[in-house]
Protein backbone atom coordinates (compact mmCIF):
# COMPACT_ATOMS: atom_id res chain seq x y z
CA MET A 1 24.44 0.66 1.21
CA VAL A 2 21.76 1.83 3.67
CA ALA A 3 24.34 3.15 6.12
CA GLU A 4 26.24 4.89 3.40
CA ALA A 5 23.04 6.53 1.94
CA VAL A 6 21.82 7.97 5.20
CA ARG A 7 25.26 9.07 6.41
CA GLY A 8 25.74 10.84 3.13
CA ALA A 9 22.26 12.47 3.52
CA VAL A 10 23.08 13.65 7.11
CA GLU A 11 26.40 15.14 5.91
CA TRP A 12 24.71 16.93 3.03
CA VAL A 13 22.02 18.48 5.20
CA VAL A 14 24.67 19.63 7.69
CA ALA A 15 26.66 21.16 4.91
CA ALA A 16 23.57 22.96 3.50
CA LEU A 17 22.56 24.34 6.79
CA SER A 18 26.21 25.49 7.18
CA GLY A 19 25.93 27.51 3.99
CA ALA A 20 28.13 25.28 1.84
CA VAL A 21 25.34 24.41 -0.57
CA THR A 22 23.90 27.50 -2.25
CA ALA A 23 23.05 26.47 -5.89
CA PRO A 24 19.16 26.02 -6.26
CA GLU A 25 19.85 23.14 -8.81
CA GLU A 26 22.04 21.28 -6.38
CA VAL A 27 19.45 21.64 -3.70
CA ALA A 28 16.62 20.51 -5.95
CA GLY A 29 18.67 17.62 -7.12
CA ARG A 30 19.24 16.23 -3.68
CA LEU A 31 15.70 16.52 -2.38
CA SER A 32 12.70 14.35 -3.25
CA PRO A 33 10.02 15.92 -5.49
CA ARG A 34 7.53 16.05 -2.69
CA LEU A 35 10.03 17.95 -0.45
CA ALA A 36 11.23 20.31 -3.25
CA ALA A 37 7.62 21.07 -4.09
CA ARG A 38 7.25 23.18 -1.00
CA GLY A 39 9.10 26.06 -2.69
CA ASP A 40 12.28 27.91 -2.11
CA LEU A 41 14.15 25.45 0.08
CA THR A 42 17.53 26.94 -0.87
CA GLY A 43 16.62 29.94 1.04
CA PHE A 44 15.20 27.97 3.92
CA LEU A 45 18.45 25.98 4.23
CA THR A 46 20.96 28.79 3.77
CA ALA A 47 19.40 31.85 5.29
CA ASN A 48 16.97 30.75 7.92
CA ARG A 49 17.67 32.46 11.24
CA ARG A 50 16.75 29.44 13.20
CA PHE A 51 19.84 27.65 11.87
CA ALA A 52 22.28 30.61 12.16
CA ALA A 53 24.48 28.47 14.54
CA PHE A 54 25.40 26.21 11.64
CA ARG A 55 26.77 29.13 9.70
CA GLU A 56 28.43 30.83 12.67
CA HIS A 57 30.25 27.73 14.12
CA GLN A 58 31.77 24.75 12.47
CA ALA A 59 29.22 21.94 12.57
CA VAL A 60 30.52 18.62 13.95
CA ILE A 61 28.69 15.42 13.61
CA GLU A 62 29.17 13.63 16.98
CA GLY A 63 27.30 10.46 16.17
CA ILE A 64 24.76 8.90 13.84
CA GLU A 65 22.06 6.21 14.69
CA THR A 66 19.76 4.49 12.35
CA PRO A 67 16.38 4.10 14.25
CA GLY A 68 14.72 2.64 11.14
CA PRO A 69 15.04 1.66 7.53
CA TRP A 70 16.45 4.61 5.48
CA THR A 71 16.39 7.01 8.49
CA ALA A 72 19.15 8.55 10.60
CA ARG A 73 19.28 10.44 13.81
CA ALA A 74 22.43 12.47 14.30
CA ALA A 75 23.94 14.43 17.15
CA VAL A 76 25.48 17.65 15.70
CA ARG A 77 27.35 20.28 17.63
CA THR A 78 27.55 23.87 16.52
CA GLY A 79 29.84 25.64 18.97
CA PRO A 80 28.22 25.35 22.43
CA LEU A 81 24.82 24.27 21.01
CA LEU A 82 23.86 20.58 20.56
CA TRP A 83 21.21 19.55 17.90
CA GLU A 84 19.43 16.37 17.14
CA LEU A 85 18.98 16.06 13.31
CA ASP A 86 16.60 13.49 11.82
CA VAL A 87 16.99 12.66 8.20
CA ALA A 88 15.08 10.28 6.00
CA VAL A 89 15.95 9.18 2.47
CA GLU A 90 14.07 7.32 -0.33
CA PRO A 91 14.94 3.62 -0.60
CA GLU A 92 15.98 3.64 -4.25
CA PRO A 93 18.98 5.30 -5.94
CA PRO A 94 19.78 8.15 -5.93
CA TYR A 95 18.50 8.09 -2.37
CA LEU A 96 16.90 11.52 -2.50
CA ILE A 97 16.19 13.20 0.97
CA ARG A 98 12.43 12.94 1.71
CA SER A 99 12.61 14.70 5.12
CA PHE A 100 14.94 16.38 7.54
CA GLN A 101 14.23 17.99 10.92
CA PRO A 102 16.88 19.74 13.00
CA ARG A 103 16.10 20.16 16.72
CA PRO A 104 18.28 22.22 19.14
CA VAL A 105 18.74 21.20 22.71
CA PRO A 106 18.01 24.34 24.74
CA PRO A 107 20.57 25.27 27.49
CA ASP A 108 17.87 24.68 30.16
CA ALA A 109 16.76 21.34 28.81
CA VAL A 110 16.69 18.50 31.38
CA PRO A 111 18.32 15.16 30.89
CA TRP A 112 15.60 12.46 30.79
CA THR A 113 17.73 10.27 33.08
CA ARG A 114 17.30 12.95 35.82
CA ILE A 115 13.51 13.00 35.87
CA ALA A 116 12.38 9.67 34.60
CA ALA A 117 12.06 7.80 37.88
CA SER A 118 10.16 10.70 39.71
CA LEU A 119 7.53 10.84 37.02
CA ARG A 120 6.40 7.28 37.72
CA THR A 121 5.10 8.30 41.08
CA HIS A 122 2.14 10.16 39.22
CA ASP A 123 1.02 7.18 37.09
CA ARG A 124 -2.57 6.02 37.39
CA VAL A 125 -4.28 3.06 35.91
CA GLU A 126 -8.05 2.30 35.88
CA SER A 127 -9.11 -0.83 34.12
CA ALA A 128 -12.13 -3.18 33.77
CA LEU A 129 -10.21 -5.69 31.76
CA PRO A 130 -8.86 -8.90 33.22
CA ALA A 131 -5.77 -8.26 35.34
CA PRO A 132 -3.29 -9.94 32.93
CA ALA A 133 -4.60 -7.90 29.94
CA ALA A 134 -4.51 -4.66 31.89
CA ARG A 135 -0.97 -5.46 32.98
CA ARG A 136 0.22 -6.10 29.45
CA ILE A 137 -1.27 -2.81 28.24
CA HIS A 138 0.29 -0.90 31.11
CA GLU A 139 3.76 -2.49 30.42
CA ARG A 140 3.46 -1.55 26.76
CA LEU A 141 2.58 2.01 27.52
CA LEU A 142 5.27 2.29 30.09
CA HIS A 143 7.88 0.97 27.70
CA ALA A 144 6.79 3.57 25.20
CA VAL A 145 7.12 6.29 27.77
CA GLU A 146 10.55 5.29 28.83
CA THR A 147 11.86 4.49 25.29
CA HIS A 148 10.50 7.78 23.83
CA ARG A 149 10.93 9.99 26.84
CA ILE A 150 7.42 11.12 27.23
CA VAL A 151 6.65 13.51 30.08
CA GLY A 152 2.97 12.95 30.03
CA LEU A 153 0.76 10.39 28.30
CA ALA A 154 -2.92 9.75 28.56
CA ALA A 155 -4.46 6.67 27.01
CA ALA A 156 -8.07 5.40 26.76
CA ILE A 157 -9.43 2.13 25.29
CA GLY A 158 -13.06 1.46 24.45
CA VAL A 159 -14.53 -2.01 23.69
CA GLY A 160 -18.09 -2.12 22.56
CA ALA A 161 -19.99 0.75 24.17
CA GLU A 162 -17.73 1.00 27.18
CA THR A 163 -14.40 2.62 28.08
CA VAL A 164 -12.59 -0.34 29.57
CA HIS A 165 -9.01 0.99 30.23
CA ARG A 166 -7.59 4.34 31.05
CA GLU A 167 -4.10 5.44 31.97
CA THR A 168 -2.32 8.70 32.82
CA LEU A 169 1.49 8.37 32.94
CA GLY A 170 3.62 11.36 34.07
CA VAL A 171 2.57 14.83 34.53
CA ALA A 172 0.77 17.65 32.80
CA ASP A 173 3.65 20.08 33.30
CA LEU A 174 7.18 19.27 34.12
CA GLN A 175 7.94 22.40 36.16
CA SER A 176 4.85 22.27 38.41
CA ARG A 177 4.54 18.52 38.46
CA THR A 178 0.75 18.83 38.05
CA PRO A 179 -0.51 15.31 37.59
CA LEU A 180 -2.45 14.35 34.46
CA ASP A 181 -6.06 13.43 34.88
CA ASP A 182 -9.02 12.28 32.65
CA LYS A 183 -9.86 15.80 31.72
CA ALA A 184 -6.46 16.91 30.54
CA VAL A 185 -6.59 18.75 27.32
CA PHE A 186 -3.81 18.29 24.70
CA ARG A 187 -2.91 19.80 21.35
CA VAL A 188 -3.77 17.15 18.77
CA GLY A 189 -2.38 18.63 15.56
CA SER A 190 -3.69 16.94 12.41
CA VAL A 191 -6.60 15.28 14.22
CA THR A 192 -8.13 18.65 13.35
CA LYS A 193 -8.37 17.49 9.84
CA ALA A 194 -11.10 14.95 10.71
CA VAL A 195 -13.10 17.82 11.99
CA THR A 196 -12.50 20.00 9.04
CA ALA A 197 -13.49 17.27 6.74
CA LEU A 198 -16.74 16.64 8.62
CA GLY A 199 -17.40 20.42 8.41
CA VAL A 200 -17.03 20.35 4.63
CA LEU A 201 -19.27 17.21 4.43
CA ARG A 202 -21.81 18.95 6.66
CA LEU A 203 -22.03 21.77 4.08
CA ALA A 204 -22.42 19.14 1.36
CA GLU A 205 -25.15 17.58 3.41
CA THR A 206 -27.09 20.78 3.24
CA GLY A 207 -26.52 21.19 -0.50
CA ALA A 208 -24.25 24.23 -0.04
CA VAL A 209 -21.10 22.46 -1.44
CA ASP A 210 -20.77 19.98 -4.24
CA PRO A 211 -17.70 17.72 -3.45
CA ASP A 212 -17.20 17.15 -7.07
CA GLY A 213 -17.14 20.88 -7.93
CA PRO A 214 -13.95 22.80 -8.36
CA ILE A 215 -12.52 24.39 -5.28
CA ASP A 216 -12.27 27.80 -6.99
CA ALA A 217 -16.07 27.77 -7.35
CA TYR A 218 -16.03 28.41 -3.51
CA VAL A 219 -12.65 29.89 -2.65
CA ALA A 220 -11.43 32.77 -4.93
CA SER A 221 -8.01 33.04 -3.19
CA PRO A 222 -5.39 31.58 -3.01
CA VAL A 223 -5.48 31.08 -6.69
CA LEU A 224 -4.24 27.52 -7.47
CA VAL A 225 -2.14 27.43 -10.69
CA PRO A 226 -2.03 23.99 -12.50
CA PRO A 227 1.50 22.81 -13.33
CA ALA A 228 0.76 22.79 -17.04
CA PRO A 229 -1.13 25.09 -19.33
CA GLY A 230 -4.73 23.94 -19.72
CA GLY A 231 -4.76 22.02 -16.48
CA ARG A 232 -7.56 22.19 -14.04
CA THR A 233 -7.79 23.09 -10.37
CA PRO A 234 -8.66 20.42 -7.85
CA THR A 235 -12.17 19.58 -6.77
CA VAL A 236 -13.41 19.75 -3.17
CA ALA A 237 -13.15 16.01 -2.98
CA GLU A 238 -9.66 15.94 -4.22
CA LEU A 239 -8.50 18.24 -1.52
CA LEU A 240 -10.31 16.17 1.14
CA LEU A 241 -8.58 13.11 -0.24
CA HIS A 242 -5.02 14.68 -0.53
CA ARG A 243 -5.15 14.42 -4.34
CA GLY A 244 -5.24 18.15 -4.95
CA GLY A 245 -1.72 18.44 -6.48
CA LEU A 246 -0.63 20.52 -3.50
CA PRO A 247 2.66 20.17 -1.45
CA LYS A 248 2.44 19.26 2.29
CA ASP A 249 3.52 22.72 3.32
CA LEU A 250 4.72 26.08 1.77
CA ALA A 251 8.13 27.47 1.99
CA VAL A 252 6.73 30.97 3.13
CA SER A 253 7.34 33.01 6.20
CA ARG A 254 5.19 31.52 9.01
CA ALA A 255 5.24 34.76 11.10
CA PRO A 256 2.15 36.17 9.35
CA LEU A 257 0.26 32.83 9.50
CA LEU A 258 1.03 32.53 13.15
CA ALA A 259 -0.26 36.00 13.79
CA GLY A 260 -3.61 35.14 12.15
CA THR A 261 -3.08 36.43 8.70
CA PRO A 262 -5.06 34.45 6.20
CA LEU A 263 -3.34 32.05 3.84
CA ALA A 264 -4.76 34.00 0.99
CA GLN A 265 -2.88 37.13 1.94
CA VAL A 266 0.37 35.31 2.71
CA ALA A 267 0.34 33.16 -0.52
CA PRO A 268 -2.31 34.69 -2.94
CA ARG A 269 -1.05 32.47 -5.69
CA ILE A 270 0.09 28.72 -5.16
CA ASP A 271 1.68 26.76 -7.85
CA MET A 272 0.33 23.25 -7.82
CA ALA A 273 3.12 20.68 -7.67
CA TRP A 274 1.21 17.88 -9.71
CA PRO A 275 -1.89 17.76 -11.81
CA ALA A 276 -5.03 17.55 -9.75
CA GLY A 277 -6.14 13.99 -9.10
CA GLU A 278 -2.93 12.43 -10.29
CA ARG A 279 -1.45 11.16 -7.03
CA PRO A 280 -2.02 11.08 -3.33
CA GLU A 281 0.21 13.60 -1.42
CA TYR A 282 -0.62 14.51 2.11
CA SER A 283 -1.21 18.28 2.28
CA ASN A 284 -1.65 20.64 5.11
CA VAL A 285 -2.14 23.45 2.55
CA GLY A 286 -5.12 21.60 1.04
CA TYR A 287 -6.87 21.49 4.42
CA ALA A 288 -6.14 25.13 5.08
CA ILE A 289 -7.99 25.87 1.83
CA LEU A 290 -10.87 23.71 2.97
CA GLY A 291 -11.01 25.75 6.05
CA ALA A 292 -11.31 28.79 3.85
CA LEU A 293 -14.10 27.04 2.02
CA ILE A 294 -16.03 26.54 5.26
CA GLU A 295 -15.87 30.25 6.02
CA ALA A 296 -16.73 31.41 2.47
CA VAL A 297 -19.75 29.04 2.10
CA SER A 298 -21.17 29.21 5.70
CA GLY A 299 -20.38 32.92 6.28
CA ASP A 300 -19.15 32.01 9.75
CA ALA A 301 -15.67 31.90 11.13
CA TYR A 302 -14.11 28.46 10.80
CA ALA A 303 -14.03 28.01 14.62
CA ASP A 304 -17.59 29.12 14.97
CA PHE A 305 -18.94 26.74 12.37
CA CYS A 306 -17.12 23.64 13.55
CA SER A 307 -17.97 24.41 17.14
CA ARG A 308 -21.59 24.54 16.35
CA GLU A 309 -22.03 21.97 13.54
CA VAL A 310 -19.36 19.42 14.09
CA LEU A 311 -17.96 19.12 17.74
CA PRO A 312 -21.39 18.66 19.47
CA ARG A 313 -22.67 16.32 16.84
CA PHE A 314 -19.66 13.91 17.51
CA GLY A 315 -19.62 14.23 21.31
CA MET A 316 -16.36 16.20 21.41
CA THR A 317 -17.45 18.37 24.34
CA SER A 318 -14.16 19.52 25.62
CA ALA A 319 -12.40 20.01 22.15
CA CYS A 320 -11.69 23.46 20.81
CA VAL A 321 -10.71 24.59 17.42
CA GLN A 322 -8.23 27.45 16.98
CA ARG A 323 -9.21 30.96 16.10
CA PRO A 324 -6.83 33.08 13.88
CA GLY A 325 -3.58 33.93 15.73
CA VAL A 326 -4.71 32.59 19.12
CA ALA A 327 -3.58 29.12 20.41
CA ALA A 328 -6.62 26.99 21.48
CA PRO A 329 -6.66 26.33 25.14
CA ALA A 330 -4.77 23.38 26.54
CA THR A 331 -4.20 22.21 30.15
CA VAL A 332 -1.05 20.24 29.25
CA THR A 333 2.33 21.67 28.54
CA GLY A 334 4.01 20.17 25.41
CA HIS A 335 7.65 18.96 25.67
CA ARG A 336 10.31 18.63 23.05
CA VAL A 337 12.73 15.78 23.16
CA ALA A 338 16.19 16.07 21.65
CA ALA A 339 19.41 14.22 22.29
CA GLY A 340 18.02 12.58 25.47
CA HIS A 341 17.03 15.89 26.94
CA VAL A 342 13.50 17.33 27.60
CA SER A 343 12.46 21.04 27.40
CA PRO A 344 8.98 22.62 27.48
CA ALA A 345 7.47 23.82 24.21
CA PRO A 346 5.60 27.25 24.34
CA PRO A 347 2.01 27.35 23.60
CA ALA A 348 1.71 26.86 19.89
CA VAL A 349 -0.39 28.61 17.31
CA ALA A 350 -0.93 26.41 14.24
CA PRO A 351 -0.10 28.10 11.00
CA TYR A 352 -2.95 26.41 9.37
CA PRO A 353 -5.80 26.31 11.99
CA ALA A 354 -7.97 24.00 9.82
CA ALA A 355 -5.17 21.53 9.39
CA GLY A 356 -3.77 21.31 12.94
CA GLY A 357 -5.03 23.82 15.38
CA MET A 358 -7.38 21.86 17.70
CA THR A 359 -7.06 20.83 21.35
CA ALA A 360 -8.92 17.91 22.76
CA GLY A 361 -9.01 15.39 25.67
CA VAL A 362 -8.95 11.64 25.38
CA ASP A 363 -12.73 11.37 25.75
CA ASP A 364 -13.07 13.70 22.66
CA LEU A 365 -10.61 11.41 20.69
CA LEU A 366 -12.50 8.34 21.88
CA ALA A 367 -15.81 9.82 20.76
CA LEU A 368 -14.26 10.74 17.42
CA ALA A 369 -12.76 7.17 17.00
CA GLY A 370 -16.19 5.70 17.87
CA ALA A 371 -17.96 7.81 15.26
CA PHE A 372 -15.67 6.66 12.47
CA GLY A 373 -15.58 3.06 13.68
CA ARG A 374 -19.36 2.60 14.03
CA ALA A 375 -20.17 4.92 11.08
CA THR A 376 -23.75 5.46 12.14
CA ASP A 377 -23.71 9.09 11.30
CA PRO A 378 -24.38 9.93 7.60
CA LEU A 379 -21.41 12.27 7.34
CA VAL A 380 -19.02 9.49 8.47
CA ARG A 381 -20.70 7.16 6.02
CA THR A 382 -20.17 9.48 3.22
CA ALA A 383 -16.57 10.04 4.21
CA LEU A 384 -15.69 6.41 4.38
CA ALA A 385 -17.43 5.75 1.00
CA MET A 386 -15.07 8.24 -0.58
CA ALA A 387 -11.87 6.40 0.26
CA VAL A 388 -9.24 6.06 -2.49
CA PRO A 389 -6.00 4.21 -2.59
CA ALA A 390 -3.05 6.06 -1.02
CA GLY A 391 -0.22 3.40 -1.04
CA PRO A 392 0.29 -0.26 -0.02
CA GLY A 393 -2.38 -1.11 2.57
CA THR A 394 -3.67 2.45 2.94
CA ARG A 395 -6.53 4.54 1.75
CA PHE A 396 -7.24 8.05 2.25
CA ALA A 397 -10.79 9.06 3.27
CA PRO A 398 -11.78 12.67 4.16
CA GLY A 399 -9.95 13.54 7.50
CA VAL A 400 -8.74 10.02 8.14
CA ALA A 401 -6.93 6.98 6.69
CA LEU A 402 -7.98 3.47 6.42
CA LEU A 403 -5.45 0.85 7.10
CA ASP A 404 -6.20 -2.51 5.33
CA ARG A 405 -4.57 -5.20 7.49
CA PRO A 406 -4.88 -9.05 7.28
CA ALA A 407 -6.93 -9.11 10.49
CA GLY A 408 -9.18 -6.29 9.17
CA THR A 409 -9.42 -2.64 8.40
CA LEU A 410 -8.69 0.11 10.84
CA VAL A 411 -9.59 3.77 10.84
CA TRP A 412 -6.55 5.76 11.82
CA ARG A 413 -5.94 9.47 12.35
CA ALA A 414 -2.73 10.94 13.94
CA GLY A 415 -1.63 14.28 14.90
CA ALA A 416 1.83 15.87 15.68
CA THR A 417 2.57 19.45 16.62
CA ASP A 418 5.24 21.13 18.63
CA GLY A 419 5.47 19.33 21.91
CA PHE A 420 2.51 16.98 21.29
CA THR A 421 1.55 13.74 19.61
CA ALA A 422 -1.89 12.01 19.24
CA GLU A 423 -3.02 8.65 17.87
CA VAL A 424 -6.63 7.69 17.25
CA LEU A 425 -7.46 4.27 16.05
CA ALA A 426 -10.75 2.18 15.66
CA THR A 427 -11.77 -1.07 14.05
CA VAL A 428 -14.18 -0.44 11.15
CA ASP A 429 -16.96 -2.12 13.15
CA GLY A 430 -16.39 0.22 15.98
CA SER A 431 -15.84 -2.61 18.47
CA VAL A 432 -12.34 -1.58 19.60
CA ARG A 433 -11.02 2.03 19.96
CA VAL A 434 -7.48 3.11 21.11
CA VAL A 435 -6.47 6.71 21.68
CA LEU A 436 -3.24 8.18 22.89
CA ALA A 437 -2.31 11.80 23.67
CA ALA A 438 1.20 12.56 24.60
CA ALA A 439 3.03 15.70 25.69
CA LYS A 440 5.98 14.97 23.40
CA SER A 441 7.43 15.66 20.04
CA PRO A 442 8.74 14.36 17.75
CA PRO A 443 6.11 11.78 17.23
CA ASP A 444 8.19 8.63 16.70
CA GLY A 445 6.99 5.42 18.19
CA LEU A 446 3.39 6.07 19.30
CA ARG A 447 1.82 4.90 16.12
CA ALA A 448 3.34 1.37 16.64
CA VAL A 449 2.06 1.41 20.13
CA GLY A 450 -1.52 2.21 19.02
CA LEU A 451 -1.39 -0.45 16.30
CA ASP A 452 -0.03 -3.08 18.70
CA LEU A 453 -2.72 -2.36 21.39
CA ILE A 454 -5.64 -2.36 19.00
CA GLY A 455 -4.29 -5.46 17.28
CA ARG A 456 -4.13 -7.39 20.54
CA LEU A 457 -7.57 -6.29 21.69
CA ALA A 458 -9.30 -6.85 18.28
CA ALA A 459 -7.92 -10.45 18.31
CA ALA A 460 -8.97 -11.20 21.96
């Protein structure tokens, strides 16, 4: 049944991208509510120029793998172009599609098998741990690099007050073969949300924002429209906790957002998908609006406020938040992986800077992990006290998630953006911290690595 469900989902997505599915009701009936809530996905599937090859050539599914429960990874050829297509379905009938991601293999992409061995000559390990423990960590990271085809990976582990283990595997740039070092700066995607959340709580600390107040008391636009007449708009806290009734993303043109046009101009009205406070649904849009709140209340640009009030307070000395339309500086080139091939990702501007536009090094991530683990700062204590259930074994707190495990609770924050993946983990007592920054997308596999490493160290 699993194989039939995921294969059927792959075939449907390929047909939709090829223009064979055009009825909005058919599209809406095949997608999960959280995916359909993003807006006009019929147009996205049938008219998006990125997927023109599916309409111009007969798409042929050359193979389908199932890397996990209810997920599929397919190789699809459209004329001369090869694609990797990830599809995930819900585990109950009618097995609605909950995500799909087509990735082309560029003509100049390099087979991983051609470069893998040469990258290992740049690996570096520094450890104060006992040799057997350091060796096990290195082997686990090396396995992840080989399995997930990671061009460059930086890892740091803190125990107590000390950084006890560092590794840099691979290079900062595949073309130049520049080695990674401890000061390498990566794009860290949604790790930005932790900084945005702390920025909002900083305004609350000064009395300028009431977390329980409605967002439209601070941000006039975009106008959030409840799904039913008489409904209310979300509070600031509900947006911080992904309970604002907003979808993850919007099906709008990203070009204006990437050029720095404010969300309020691109989408002056946003229809809420669910009543405020009803359910936890992860939302980039909600954090984009929180970035607008920071600007409206502080009178400063989002980047200026966070650079002054948040980053130095939490020891993130080399981190940088994105300004409108300008990618934050990074010293590492991101890389895309598709169908066993690797290609560089261009410097990326985040469409929602407050949701995913930051760059940082592993020391910045380690400082952030320590701040949330030790919880000595009043902003962090406030954030952790606000945690609400978000699913089995998971709670959302502002900017982070809490993972409740039999061995104890972990603070977790991940980020994924074009060419990059980051994982930040800490035990709630701050005794162990693990951070990973990789020049690789998609982000599969690194969360499991981080959980494995912190589990071993916390149990030692």
